[in-house]
Amino acid sequence: MSNFQATVTLVAGGTGGLGRAVALAFLRAEAKVHVTFRNQAELDELYRAAEASAIQLQGHSVDVTDGNSVSQLVESILKKDGRLDVLPY
């Protein structure tokens, strides 16, 4: 059992570069991972890279520079998963 098993994580910019690596690491640690993205093709590639862990992955097309959009995203995650445990930056 990992330290992140069953935790709920949100990775902003989770489909490119460092964010992608962070999202995949949390998925390997058995966390449920939400990512924000701007490019659907990059999100699709992340799902492919996640393989069996993709069931624990959910993408959100959100402008993280818009406070209202971020608030709505967090509310959505809390409504769906009941909590948000990790927000790496």
N, C-alpha and C. Protein backbone atom coordinates (compact mmCIF):
# COMPACT_ATOMS: atom_id res chain seq x y z
N MET A 1 0.84 -1.17 0.00
CA MET A 1 0.00 0.00 0.00
C MET A 1 0.89 1.25 0.00
N SER A 2 0.56 2.21 -0.88
CA SER A 2 1.36 3.43 -0.94
C SER A 2 0.79 4.48 0.02
N ASN A 3 1.56 5.52 0.24
CA ASN A 3 1.10 6.61 1.09
C ASN A 3 0.00 7.43 0.44
N PHE A 4 -0.19 7.29 -0.87
CA PHE A 4 -1.18 8.09 -1.59
C PHE A 4 -2.38 7.28 -2.04
N GLN A 5 -2.44 6.01 -1.67
CA GLN A 5 -3.55 5.17 -2.07
C GLN A 5 -4.86 5.79 -1.60
N ALA A 6 -5.80 5.93 -2.54
CA ALA A 6 -7.15 6.45 -2.28
C ALA A 6 -7.18 7.95 -1.97
N THR A 7 -6.08 8.66 -2.12
CA THR A 7 -6.13 10.11 -1.94
C THR A 7 -6.64 10.74 -3.23
N VAL A 8 -7.17 11.95 -3.11
CA VAL A 8 -7.68 12.69 -4.25
C VAL A 8 -6.73 13.86 -4.50
N THR A 9 -6.20 13.91 -5.72
CA THR A 9 -5.16 14.86 -6.08
C THR A 9 -5.62 15.70 -7.27
N LEU A 10 -5.25 16.97 -7.29
CA LEU A 10 -5.50 17.85 -8.43
C LEU A 10 -4.17 18.39 -8.91
N VAL A 11 -3.84 18.12 -10.17
CA VAL A 11 -2.60 18.60 -10.78
C VAL A 11 -2.96 19.61 -11.86
N ALA A 12 -2.64 20.88 -11.61
CA ALA A 12 -2.87 21.91 -12.62
C ALA A 12 -1.84 21.74 -13.74
N GLY A 13 -2.30 21.84 -14.98
CA GLY A 13 -1.39 21.64 -16.10
C GLY A 13 -0.86 20.22 -16.15
N GLY A 14 -1.72 19.27 -15.87
CA GLY A 14 -1.30 17.89 -15.70
C GLY A 14 -1.04 17.11 -16.97
N THR A 15 -1.07 17.74 -18.13
CA THR A 15 -0.85 16.98 -19.36
C THR A 15 0.47 17.31 -20.05
N GLY A 16 1.20 18.27 -19.56
CA GLY A 16 2.43 18.64 -20.23
C GLY A 16 3.60 18.71 -19.27
N GLY A 17 4.76 18.28 -19.73
CA GLY A 17 6.00 18.43 -18.99
C GLY A 17 5.95 17.90 -17.58
N LEU A 18 6.27 18.77 -16.64
CA LEU A 18 6.35 18.39 -15.23
C LEU A 18 5.00 17.94 -14.68
N GLY A 19 3.92 18.62 -15.07
CA GLY A 19 2.59 18.24 -14.60
C GLY A 19 2.23 16.83 -14.98
N ARG A 20 2.59 16.43 -16.21
CA ARG A 20 2.32 15.07 -16.69
C ARG A 20 3.08 14.06 -15.84
N ALA A 21 4.34 14.36 -15.56
CA ALA A 21 5.16 13.46 -14.75
C ALA A 21 4.59 13.33 -13.34
N VAL A 22 4.14 14.45 -12.78
CA VAL A 22 3.56 14.44 -11.43
C VAL A 22 2.27 13.62 -11.43
N ALA A 23 1.40 13.84 -12.44
CA ALA A 23 0.14 13.11 -12.52
C ALA A 23 0.40 11.60 -12.62
N LEU A 24 1.34 11.20 -13.47
CA LEU A 24 1.64 9.78 -13.62
C LEU A 24 2.22 9.19 -12.33
N ALA A 25 3.04 9.95 -11.64
CA ALA A 25 3.61 9.46 -10.37
C ALA A 25 2.51 9.23 -9.33
N PHE A 26 1.56 10.16 -9.24
CA PHE A 26 0.45 9.97 -8.30
C PHE A 26 -0.42 8.79 -8.72
N LEU A 27 -0.62 8.60 -10.02
CA LEU A 27 -1.39 7.44 -10.48
C LEU A 27 -0.68 6.14 -10.12
N ARG A 28 0.63 6.10 -10.29
CA ARG A 28 1.39 4.90 -9.92
C ARG A 28 1.31 4.64 -8.42
N ALA A 29 1.14 5.71 -7.64
CA ALA A 29 1.01 5.58 -6.18
C ALA A 29 -0.43 5.31 -5.77
N GLU A 30 -1.29 5.04 -6.75
CA GLU A 30 -2.68 4.64 -6.54
C GLU A 30 -3.59 5.75 -6.05
N ALA A 31 -3.23 7.00 -6.34
CA ALA A 31 -4.11 8.13 -6.01
C ALA A 31 -5.14 8.29 -7.11
N LYS A 32 -6.24 8.93 -6.78
CA LYS A 32 -7.21 9.37 -7.78
C LYS A 32 -6.73 10.75 -8.21
N VAL A 33 -6.57 10.95 -9.51
CA VAL A 33 -5.92 12.17 -10.01
C VAL A 33 -6.86 12.94 -10.94
N HIS A 34 -7.04 14.20 -10.63
CA HIS A 34 -7.73 15.15 -11.50
C HIS A 34 -6.65 16.04 -12.09
N VAL A 35 -6.72 16.31 -13.40
CA VAL A 35 -5.77 17.21 -14.03
C VAL A 35 -6.51 18.28 -14.81
N THR A 36 -5.92 19.47 -14.86
CA THR A 36 -6.43 20.48 -15.76
C THR A 36 -5.63 20.38 -17.05
N PHE A 37 -6.29 20.75 -18.16
CA PHE A 37 -5.60 20.66 -19.45
C PHE A 37 -6.14 21.71 -20.40
N ARG A 38 -5.34 22.00 -21.45
CA ARG A 38 -5.77 22.90 -22.51
C ARG A 38 -5.82 22.19 -23.86
N ASN A 39 -5.13 21.09 -23.98
CA ASN A 39 -5.01 20.40 -25.27
C ASN A 39 -5.57 18.98 -25.14
N GLN A 40 -6.65 18.71 -25.84
CA GLN A 40 -7.31 17.40 -25.75
C GLN A 40 -6.38 16.28 -26.17
N ALA A 41 -5.55 16.49 -27.19
CA ALA A 41 -4.63 15.44 -27.65
C ALA A 41 -3.64 15.07 -26.54
N GLU A 42 -3.18 16.07 -25.79
CA GLU A 42 -2.26 15.78 -24.67
C GLU A 42 -2.97 15.00 -23.57
N LEU A 43 -4.24 15.33 -23.32
CA LEU A 43 -5.01 14.57 -22.32
C LEU A 43 -5.18 13.13 -22.78
N ASP A 44 -5.50 12.95 -24.05
CA ASP A 44 -5.66 11.60 -24.59
C ASP A 44 -4.37 10.80 -24.44
N GLU A 45 -3.23 11.44 -24.68
CA GLU A 45 -1.93 10.77 -24.53
C GLU A 45 -1.67 10.42 -23.07
N LEU A 46 -2.06 11.29 -22.15
CA LEU A 46 -1.90 10.99 -20.73
C LEU A 46 -2.73 9.77 -20.35
N TYR A 47 -3.96 9.69 -20.85
CA TYR A 47 -4.78 8.50 -20.58
C TYR A 47 -4.09 7.24 -21.10
N ARG A 48 -3.51 7.31 -22.30
CA ARG A 48 -2.79 6.14 -22.84
C ARG A 48 -1.57 5.79 -21.98
N ALA A 49 -0.83 6.81 -21.55
CA ALA A 49 0.36 6.58 -20.72
C ALA A 49 -0.02 6.01 -19.36
N ALA A 50 -1.20 6.38 -18.87
CA ALA A 50 -1.64 5.91 -17.55
C ALA A 50 -2.03 4.44 -17.57
N GLU A 51 -2.35 3.91 -18.73
CA GLU A 51 -2.74 2.51 -18.92
C GLU A 51 -3.83 2.09 -17.93
N ALA A 52 -3.59 1.09 -17.15
CA ALA A 52 -4.60 0.55 -16.22
C ALA A 52 -5.00 1.57 -15.16
N SER A 53 -4.12 2.51 -14.85
CA SER A 53 -4.43 3.53 -13.85
C SER A 53 -5.37 4.60 -14.38
N ALA A 54 -5.64 4.60 -15.68
CA ALA A 54 -6.47 5.65 -16.28
C ALA A 54 -7.86 5.72 -15.65
N ILE A 55 -8.32 4.63 -15.08
CA ILE A 55 -9.62 4.62 -14.41
C ILE A 55 -9.63 5.62 -13.25
N GLN A 56 -8.46 5.92 -12.70
CA GLN A 56 -8.33 6.84 -11.57
C GLN A 56 -8.03 8.27 -12.03
N LEU A 57 -8.11 8.54 -13.33
CA LEU A 57 -7.73 9.83 -13.90
C LEU A 57 -8.95 10.54 -14.46
N GLN A 58 -9.04 11.84 -14.19
CA GLN A 58 -10.11 12.64 -14.78
C GLN A 58 -9.55 13.99 -15.20
N GLY A 59 -9.79 14.35 -16.46
CA GLY A 59 -9.33 15.62 -16.99
C GLY A 59 -10.41 16.69 -16.94
N HIS A 60 -9.96 17.93 -16.73
CA HIS A 60 -10.88 19.08 -16.66
C HIS A 60 -10.30 20.21 -17.50
N SER A 61 -11.06 20.68 -18.46
CA SER A 61 -10.65 21.82 -19.28
C SER A 61 -11.00 23.09 -18.51
N VAL A 62 -10.01 23.64 -17.82
CA VAL A 62 -10.23 24.78 -16.93
C VAL A 62 -9.13 25.80 -17.14
N ASP A 63 -9.50 27.08 -17.17
CA ASP A 63 -8.53 28.17 -17.21
C ASP A 63 -8.12 28.46 -15.77
N VAL A 64 -6.92 28.03 -15.38
CA VAL A 64 -6.50 28.18 -13.99
C VAL A 64 -6.18 29.62 -13.62
N THR A 65 -6.19 30.54 -14.59
CA THR A 65 -6.01 31.96 -14.27
C THR A 65 -7.33 32.63 -13.93
N ASP A 66 -8.44 31.91 -14.06
CA ASP A 66 -9.77 32.42 -13.75
C ASP A 66 -10.23 31.84 -12.42
N GLY A 67 -10.25 32.67 -11.40
CA GLY A 67 -10.59 32.22 -10.05
C GLY A 67 -11.95 31.54 -9.96
N ASN A 68 -12.93 32.06 -10.67
CA ASN A 68 -14.26 31.45 -10.63
C ASN A 68 -14.24 30.04 -11.21
N SER A 69 -13.51 29.85 -12.30
CA SER A 69 -13.41 28.52 -12.91
C SER A 69 -12.74 27.54 -11.97
N VAL A 70 -11.70 27.99 -11.29
CA VAL A 70 -10.99 27.13 -10.34
C VAL A 70 -11.90 26.78 -9.17
N SER A 71 -12.64 27.76 -8.67
CA SER A 71 -13.58 27.49 -7.57
C SER A 71 -14.63 26.46 -7.98
N GLN A 72 -15.15 26.59 -9.19
CA GLN A 72 -16.14 25.64 -9.69
C GLN A 72 -15.53 24.25 -9.82
N LEU A 73 -14.28 24.18 -10.27
CA LEU A 73 -13.59 22.88 -10.38
C LEU A 73 -13.46 22.23 -9.01
N VAL A 74 -12.99 22.98 -8.03
CA VAL A 74 -12.82 22.43 -6.68
C VAL A 74 -14.17 21.98 -6.13
N GLU A 75 -15.21 22.78 -6.32
CA GLU A 75 -16.55 22.38 -5.87
C GLU A 75 -16.98 21.07 -6.53
N SER A 76 -16.70 20.95 -7.82
CA SER A 76 -17.06 19.74 -8.56
C SER A 76 -16.32 18.51 -8.01
N ILE A 77 -15.04 18.67 -7.72
CA ILE A 77 -14.25 17.56 -7.17
C ILE A 77 -14.78 17.18 -5.79
N LEU A 78 -15.06 18.19 -4.97
CA LEU A 78 -15.57 17.91 -3.63
C LEU A 78 -16.93 17.22 -3.68
N LYS A 79 -17.77 17.63 -4.61
CA LYS A 79 -19.07 17.01 -4.75
C LYS A 79 -18.93 15.56 -5.20
N LYS A 80 -18.03 15.31 -6.13
CA LYS A 80 -17.86 13.96 -6.67
C LYS A 80 -17.11 13.04 -5.71
N ASP A 81 -15.99 13.52 -5.16
CA ASP A 81 -15.10 12.66 -4.37
C ASP A 81 -15.15 12.91 -2.86
N GLY A 82 -15.82 13.97 -2.44
CA GLY A 82 -15.98 14.23 -1.01
C GLY A 82 -14.80 14.91 -0.35
N ARG A 83 -13.70 15.07 -1.09
CA ARG A 83 -12.52 15.72 -0.50
C ARG A 83 -11.50 16.00 -1.59
N LEU A 84 -10.51 16.80 -1.24
CA LEU A 84 -9.34 17.05 -2.09
C LEU A 84 -8.15 17.03 -1.16
N ASP A 85 -7.31 16.00 -1.28
CA ASP A 85 -6.23 15.77 -0.34
C ASP A 85 -4.90 16.44 -0.72
N VAL A 86 -4.60 16.46 -2.02
CA VAL A 86 -3.27 16.91 -2.46
C VAL A 86 -3.43 17.88 -3.62
N LEU A 87 -2.74 19.03 -3.54
CA LEU A 87 -2.69 20.00 -4.62
C LEU A 87 -1.24 20.41 -4.81
N PRO A 88 -0.49 19.58 -5.56
CA PRO A 88 0.94 19.89 -5.75
C PRO A 88 1.12 21.13 -6.62
N TYR A 89 2.20 21.83 -6.38
CA TYR A 89 2.48 23.00 -7.22
C TYR A 89 3.94 23.05 -7.56
